[in-house]
N, C-alpha and C. Protein backbone atom coordinates (compact mmCIF):
# COMPACT_ATOMS: atom_id res chain seq x y z
N MET A 1 61.49 -17.16 -12.86
CA MET A 1 60.14 -16.73 -13.01
C MET A 1 59.65 -17.46 -14.31
N SER A 2 58.54 -17.91 -14.15
CA SER A 2 58.16 -18.36 -14.91
C SER A 2 57.31 -17.77 -15.80
N VAL A 3 57.49 -17.88 -17.39
CA VAL A 3 56.60 -16.81 -18.38
C VAL A 3 55.60 -17.60 -19.20
N PRO A 4 54.60 -17.34 -19.46
CA PRO A 4 53.54 -18.29 -20.51
C PRO A 4 54.42 -18.41 -21.58
N PHE A 5 54.33 -19.62 -22.65
CA PHE A 5 55.00 -20.02 -23.72
C PHE A 5 54.75 -19.13 -24.76
N VAL A 6 53.27 -18.48 -24.96
CA VAL A 6 52.59 -17.53 -26.08
C VAL A 6 53.32 -16.44 -26.09
N THR A 7 53.97 -16.20 -24.97
CA THR A 7 54.53 -14.66 -25.12
C THR A 7 56.37 -14.86 -25.79
N SER A 8 56.50 -15.83 -25.89
CA SER A 8 57.88 -16.21 -26.77
C SER A 8 57.67 -16.46 -28.24
N LEU A 9 56.42 -16.50 -28.58
CA LEU A 9 55.94 -16.86 -30.28
C LEU A 9 56.35 -15.60 -30.90
N ARG A 10 57.56 -15.80 -31.92
CA ARG A 10 57.64 -14.77 -32.68
C ARG A 10 57.86 -13.40 -32.26
N THR A 11 58.65 -13.41 -31.32
CA THR A 11 59.22 -12.03 -30.39
C THR A 11 60.33 -12.09 -30.72
N ALA A 12 61.37 -11.25 -30.19
CA ALA A 12 62.58 -10.99 -30.04
C ALA A 12 62.93 -10.07 -29.35
N GLY A 13 64.15 -9.93 -28.57
CA GLY A 13 64.55 -8.82 -27.60
C GLY A 13 63.97 -8.97 -26.07
N ASP A 14 64.42 -8.32 -25.47
CA ASP A 14 63.51 -7.99 -23.85
C ASP A 14 62.10 -7.75 -24.21
N PRO A 15 61.43 -7.93 -23.05
CA PRO A 15 59.92 -7.67 -23.41
C PRO A 15 59.91 -6.00 -22.51
N ILE A 16 59.11 -5.43 -23.20
CA ILE A 16 58.40 -3.97 -22.79
C ILE A 16 58.19 -3.73 -21.69
N LYS A 17 58.64 -2.74 -20.43
CA LYS A 17 57.76 -2.79 -19.39
C LYS A 17 56.64 -1.29 -19.34
N VAL A 18 55.61 -1.89 -18.86
CA VAL A 18 54.77 -0.97 -18.56
C VAL A 18 54.13 -0.69 -17.33
N GLY A 19 54.46 -0.08 -16.25
CA GLY A 19 53.98 0.21 -14.96
C GLY A 19 55.23 -0.49 -14.10
N ASP A 20 55.10 -0.29 -13.02
CA ASP A 20 56.07 -1.03 -11.81
C ASP A 20 54.86 -2.11 -11.24
N SER A 21 55.23 -3.36 -11.51
CA SER A 21 54.63 -4.21 -10.47
C SER A 21 55.84 -5.34 -10.35
N ASP A 22 55.42 -5.85 -9.19
CA ASP A 22 56.23 -7.33 -8.98
C ASP A 22 55.68 -8.29 -9.28
N ASN A 23 54.52 -8.57 -9.71
CA ASN A 23 53.96 -9.48 -10.49
C ASN A 23 53.35 -9.18 -11.85
N PRO A 24 54.26 -8.69 -12.71
CA PRO A 24 53.32 -8.08 -14.28
C PRO A 24 52.93 -9.35 -14.78
N LEU A 25 51.84 -9.40 -15.64
CA LEU A 25 51.09 -9.88 -16.53
C LEU A 25 52.16 -10.43 -17.81
N HIS A 26 52.23 -11.17 -18.17
CA HIS A 26 53.34 -11.46 -19.50
C HIS A 26 52.46 -11.30 -20.61
N ILE A 27 52.20 -10.61 -21.72
CA ILE A 27 51.50 -10.52 -22.72
C ILE A 27 52.26 -10.60 -23.66
N ARG A 28 51.35 -10.91 -24.78
CA ARG A 28 52.09 -10.43 -26.09
C ARG A 28 51.12 -9.65 -27.12
N VAL A 29 51.71 -8.47 -27.86
CA VAL A 29 51.26 -7.65 -28.62
C VAL A 29 51.18 -7.99 -29.95
N GLN A 30 50.17 -7.89 -31.12
CA GLN A 30 50.28 -8.04 -32.23
C GLN A 30 49.99 -6.72 -33.12
N VAL A 31 50.61 -6.33 -34.07
CA VAL A 31 49.87 -5.62 -35.27
C VAL A 31 49.60 -6.25 -36.54
N ALA A 32 48.40 -6.18 -36.60
CA ALA A 32 47.78 -7.33 -37.72
C ALA A 32 48.55 -6.71 -39.09
N ASP A 33 48.45 -5.48 -39.33
CA ASP A 33 49.21 -4.89 -40.47
C ASP A 33 50.63 -5.43 -40.60
N LEU A 34 51.50 -5.82 -39.80
CA LEU A 34 52.74 -5.80 -39.66
C LEU A 34 53.15 -7.30 -39.79
N TRP A 35 52.28 -8.08 -39.10
CA TRP A 35 52.59 -9.33 -39.08
C TRP A 35 54.17 -9.60 -38.15
N ASP A 36 53.86 -8.62 -37.15
CA ASP A 36 54.98 -8.72 -35.88
C ASP A 36 54.56 -8.52 -34.57
N SER A 37 55.14 -8.90 -33.38
CA SER A 37 54.24 -9.12 -32.53
C SER A 37 55.79 -8.83 -31.26
N VAL A 38 55.34 -8.49 -30.16
CA VAL A 38 56.45 -7.82 -29.11
C VAL A 38 55.61 -8.34 -27.96
N ARG A 39 56.86 -8.69 -26.99
CA ARG A 39 56.38 -9.35 -25.32
C ARG A 39 56.00 -7.88 -24.49
N VAL A 40 55.21 -8.04 -23.66
CA VAL A 40 54.72 -6.88 -22.90
C VAL A 40 54.79 -7.51 -21.49
N ASP A 41 55.50 -6.75 -20.48
CA ASP A 41 55.50 -7.18 -19.27
C ASP A 41 54.80 -6.06 -18.17
N ALA A 42 53.27 -5.90 -18.04
CA ALA A 42 52.65 -4.90 -17.29
C ALA A 42 51.84 -5.49 -16.03
N GLY A 43 51.57 -4.39 -15.21
CA GLY A 43 50.97 -4.64 -13.64
C GLY A 43 49.57 -4.78 -14.50
N GLY A 44 48.73 -5.44 -13.71
CA GLY A 44 47.08 -5.50 -13.81
C GLY A 44 46.45 -4.42 -13.78
N ASP A 45 47.15 -3.37 -12.93
CA ASP A 45 46.31 -2.31 -13.01
C ASP A 45 46.55 -1.17 -13.99
N GLN A 46 47.54 -1.30 -14.78
CA GLN A 46 47.85 -0.41 -15.69
C GLN A 46 46.82 -0.49 -17.10
N PRO A 47 46.17 0.35 -17.66
CA PRO A 47 45.43 0.87 -18.33
C PRO A 47 45.71 0.13 -19.80
N VAL A 48 44.44 -0.23 -20.87
CA VAL A 48 45.10 -1.00 -22.03
C VAL A 48 45.61 -0.11 -22.71
N THR A 49 44.96 1.27 -22.95
CA THR A 49 45.71 2.20 -23.74
C THR A 49 47.22 2.34 -23.60
N ALA A 50 47.83 2.06 -21.99
CA ALA A 50 49.40 2.54 -22.03
C ALA A 50 50.05 1.36 -22.77
N VAL A 51 49.56 0.30 -22.75
CA VAL A 51 50.27 -1.14 -23.28
C VAL A 51 50.09 -0.72 -24.91
N LYS A 52 49.03 -0.19 -25.37
CA LYS A 52 48.84 -0.29 -26.97
C LYS A 52 49.96 1.30 -27.14
N ARG A 53 49.99 1.90 -26.28
CA ARG A 53 50.88 3.05 -26.63
C ARG A 53 52.51 2.68 -27.01
N ALA A 54 52.64 1.82 -25.63
CA ALA A 54 53.91 1.60 -25.43
C ALA A 54 54.38 0.42 -26.72
N ALA A 55 53.47 -0.53 -26.90
CA ALA A 55 53.61 -1.44 -28.27
C ALA A 55 53.82 -0.82 -29.50
N LEU A 56 52.90 0.35 -29.74
CA LEU A 56 53.02 1.13 -31.11
C LEU A 56 54.39 2.17 -31.00
N ALA A 57 54.98 2.49 -29.93
CA ALA A 57 56.21 3.56 -29.89
C ALA A 57 57.44 2.01 -30.12
N GLU A 58 57.31 0.74 -30.06
CA GLU A 58 58.05 -0.24 -30.36
C GLU A 58 57.97 -0.35 -31.60
N PHE A 59 56.98 -0.50 -32.31
CA PHE A 59 56.48 -0.89 -33.58
C PHE A 59 56.82 0.14 -34.76
N TYR A 60 56.52 1.22 -34.22
CA TYR A 60 56.79 2.85 -34.91
C TYR A 60 57.54 3.64 -34.13
N PRO A 61 58.77 3.65 -34.05
CA PRO A 61 59.42 4.55 -33.83
C PRO A 61 59.48 6.15 -33.86
N ASP A 62 59.16 6.25 -35.11
CA ASP A 62 59.27 7.65 -35.76
C ASP A 62 57.84 8.11 -35.19
N GLY A 63 56.69 7.23 -34.63
CA GLY A 63 55.38 7.92 -34.60
C GLY A 63 54.69 7.48 -35.96
N GLY A 64 54.82 6.73 -36.92
CA GLY A 64 54.14 7.11 -37.93
C GLY A 64 52.73 6.17 -37.76
N VAL A 65 52.12 6.21 -36.96
CA VAL A 65 50.98 5.52 -36.59
C VAL A 65 50.06 6.51 -35.68
N ASP A 66 48.77 6.99 -35.97
CA ASP A 66 47.82 7.35 -34.70
C ASP A 66 47.24 6.21 -34.23
N PRO A 67 47.30 6.46 -32.76
CA PRO A 67 46.97 5.19 -31.71
C PRO A 67 45.23 5.17 -31.95
N ASP A 68 44.95 6.44 -32.29
CA ASP A 68 43.18 6.35 -32.21
C ASP A 68 42.71 5.74 -33.24
N GLU A 69 43.59 5.44 -34.58
CA GLU A 69 42.84 4.74 -35.74
C GLU A 69 43.17 3.24 -35.86
N LEU A 70 43.64 2.43 -34.67
CA LEU A 70 43.92 1.42 -34.28
C LEU A 70 43.21 0.96 -33.05
N VAL A 71 42.47 -0.20 -32.72
CA VAL A 71 41.42 -1.01 -31.81
C VAL A 71 42.41 -1.99 -31.20
N VAL A 72 41.85 -2.30 -30.30
CA VAL A 72 42.66 -3.51 -29.39
C VAL A 72 41.84 -4.56 -29.42
N ARG A 73 42.08 -5.71 -29.75
CA ARG A 73 41.12 -6.54 -29.56
C ARG A 73 42.03 -8.06 -28.81
N LEU A 74 40.90 -8.48 -28.38
CA LEU A 74 41.08 -9.70 -27.19
C LEU A 74 40.29 -10.98 -27.48
N HIS A 75 40.32 -11.85 -27.59
CA HIS A 75 39.98 -13.14 -28.09
C HIS A 75 38.99 -12.69 -29.30
N GLY A 76 39.38 -11.76 -30.31
CA GLY A 76 38.64 -11.51 -31.52
C GLY A 76 37.45 -10.32 -30.95
N PHE A 77 37.57 -9.78 -29.91
CA PHE A 77 36.17 -9.12 -29.57
C PHE A 77 37.11 -7.34 -29.37
N GLU A 78 36.49 -6.39 -29.61
CA GLU A 78 37.38 -5.14 -29.33
C GLU A 78 37.11 -4.87 -28.14
N ILE A 79 38.22 -4.46 -27.29
CA ILE A 79 38.00 -3.65 -26.08
C ILE A 79 37.60 -2.20 -26.40
N LEU A 80 36.33 -2.30 -25.88
CA LEU A 80 35.59 -0.50 -26.10
C LEU A 80 36.06 0.36 -25.48
N ASP A 81 36.62 0.11 -24.01
CA ASP A 81 37.16 1.24 -23.28
C ASP A 81 38.61 0.72 -22.60
N GLU A 82 39.27 1.37 -23.67
CA GLU A 82 40.61 1.42 -23.49
C GLU A 82 41.33 1.83 -21.68
N ALA A 83 40.52 2.84 -21.39
CA ALA A 83 40.88 3.33 -20.20
C ALA A 83 40.94 2.42 -19.10
N LYS A 84 40.10 1.33 -19.11
CA LYS A 84 39.99 0.07 -18.10
C LYS A 84 41.40 -0.57 -18.19
N SER A 85 41.52 -0.91 -16.65
CA SER A 85 43.05 -1.81 -16.47
C SER A 85 42.91 -3.50 -17.40
N LEU A 86 43.83 -3.70 -17.49
CA LEU A 86 44.25 -5.00 -18.04
C LEU A 86 43.53 -6.05 -17.49
N LEU A 87 43.41 -6.05 -15.86
CA LEU A 87 42.57 -7.16 -15.69
C LEU A 87 41.01 -6.96 -15.72
N ASP A 88 40.49 -5.79 -15.50
CA ASP A 88 39.09 -5.25 -15.49
C ASP A 88 38.54 -5.92 -17.35
N CYS A 89 39.35 -5.68 -18.24
CA CYS A 89 39.37 -6.22 -19.44
C CYS A 89 39.25 -7.73 -19.68
N SER A 90 39.77 -8.32 -18.80
CA SER A 90 40.11 -9.75 -18.73
C SER A 90 41.26 -10.32 -19.32
N VAL A 91 41.95 -9.47 -19.21
CA VAL A 91 43.50 -10.10 -20.17
C VAL A 91 44.19 -10.10 -18.54
N ARG A 92 44.91 -11.90 -19.16
CA ARG A 92 45.28 -12.53 -18.14
C ARG A 92 47.04 -12.99 -18.47
N ASP A 93 47.47 -13.24 -17.49
CA ASP A 93 48.94 -13.92 -18.20
C ASP A 93 48.87 -14.97 -19.12
N GLY A 94 49.75 -14.28 -20.32
CA GLY A 94 49.92 -15.43 -21.61
C GLY A 94 48.79 -14.63 -22.78
N SER A 95 47.72 -13.68 -22.14
CA SER A 95 46.90 -13.19 -23.65
C SER A 95 47.79 -12.57 -24.43
N ILE A 96 46.85 -12.82 -25.61
CA ILE A 96 47.65 -11.69 -26.95
C ILE A 96 46.59 -10.82 -27.23
N LEU A 97 47.06 -9.67 -27.39
CA LEU A 97 46.23 -8.57 -27.48
C LEU A 97 46.66 -8.03 -28.82
N LEU A 98 45.60 -7.81 -29.96
CA LEU A 98 45.67 -7.51 -31.15
C LEU A 98 45.33 -6.25 -31.83
N LEU A 99 46.20 -5.60 -32.27
CA LEU A 99 45.85 -4.26 -32.83
C LEU A 99 45.87 -4.48 -34.14
N VAL A 100 44.41 -3.76 -34.26
CA VAL A 100 44.00 -3.75 -36.01
C VAL A 100 43.60 -2.54 -36.41
N SER A 101 43.29 -2.27 -37.71
CA SER A 101 42.77 -0.62 -38.19
C SER A 101 41.43 -0.57 -37.89
N ARG A 102 40.99 0.85 -37.22
CA ARG A 102 39.63 0.92 -37.02
C ARG A 102 38.72 0.78 -38.18
N ARG A 103 39.31 1.24 -39.37
CA ARG A 103 38.16 1.08 -40.39
C ARG A 103 38.83 0.22 -41.50
N ARG A 104 37.95 -0.53 -42.07
CA ARG A 104 38.31 -1.47 -43.14
C ARG A 104 39.07 -0.84 -44.31
N ARG A 105 40.04 -1.45 -44.91
CA ARG A 105 40.69 -0.61 -45.91
C ARG A 105 40.52 -1.65 -47.23
N PRO A 106 40.41 -0.75 -48.50
CA PRO A 106 39.89 -1.71 -49.60
C PRO A 106 41.17 -2.11 -49.96
N VAL A 107 41.16 -3.74 -50.60
CA VAL A 107 42.31 -4.70 -50.97
C VAL A 107 42.91 -3.99 -52.20
N ARG A 108 44.21 -4.12 -52.26
CA ARG A 108 44.74 -3.11 -53.69
C ARG A 108 45.45 -4.41 -54.40
C-alpha cells in the first residue's frame, strides 16, 4: 500500500486509525502550539471532529485540552462544520489538518 510522502514528515509510530475502511485517507494532523504531528488513517466518511478528537487523545493523553477550544484548518482555512465528513470538506489523501487555538492569545 502506497502512502503519501507528507504523512511521514515529523511523525513517529503507527498511524491512528479512525473508522473502519478498506481504502482509508492517509493524512497528517498537527497541533500548532506543540509543533508536533501524527499520522491518521481515516475513512473518507468519518467526520472531521472524529479525527480531531483522536489526534488530541494522542497529543494530550491526560485530556489536558478542550477540543472546542481548537479549530481545524485545511489549506489555511477553518473548517466551519466539523460534523461534515472528511471528503465533504475536501480532505484528500496526503492532506494536512492543522489544529490551532480558537482565540488568539497574547505573546508573553
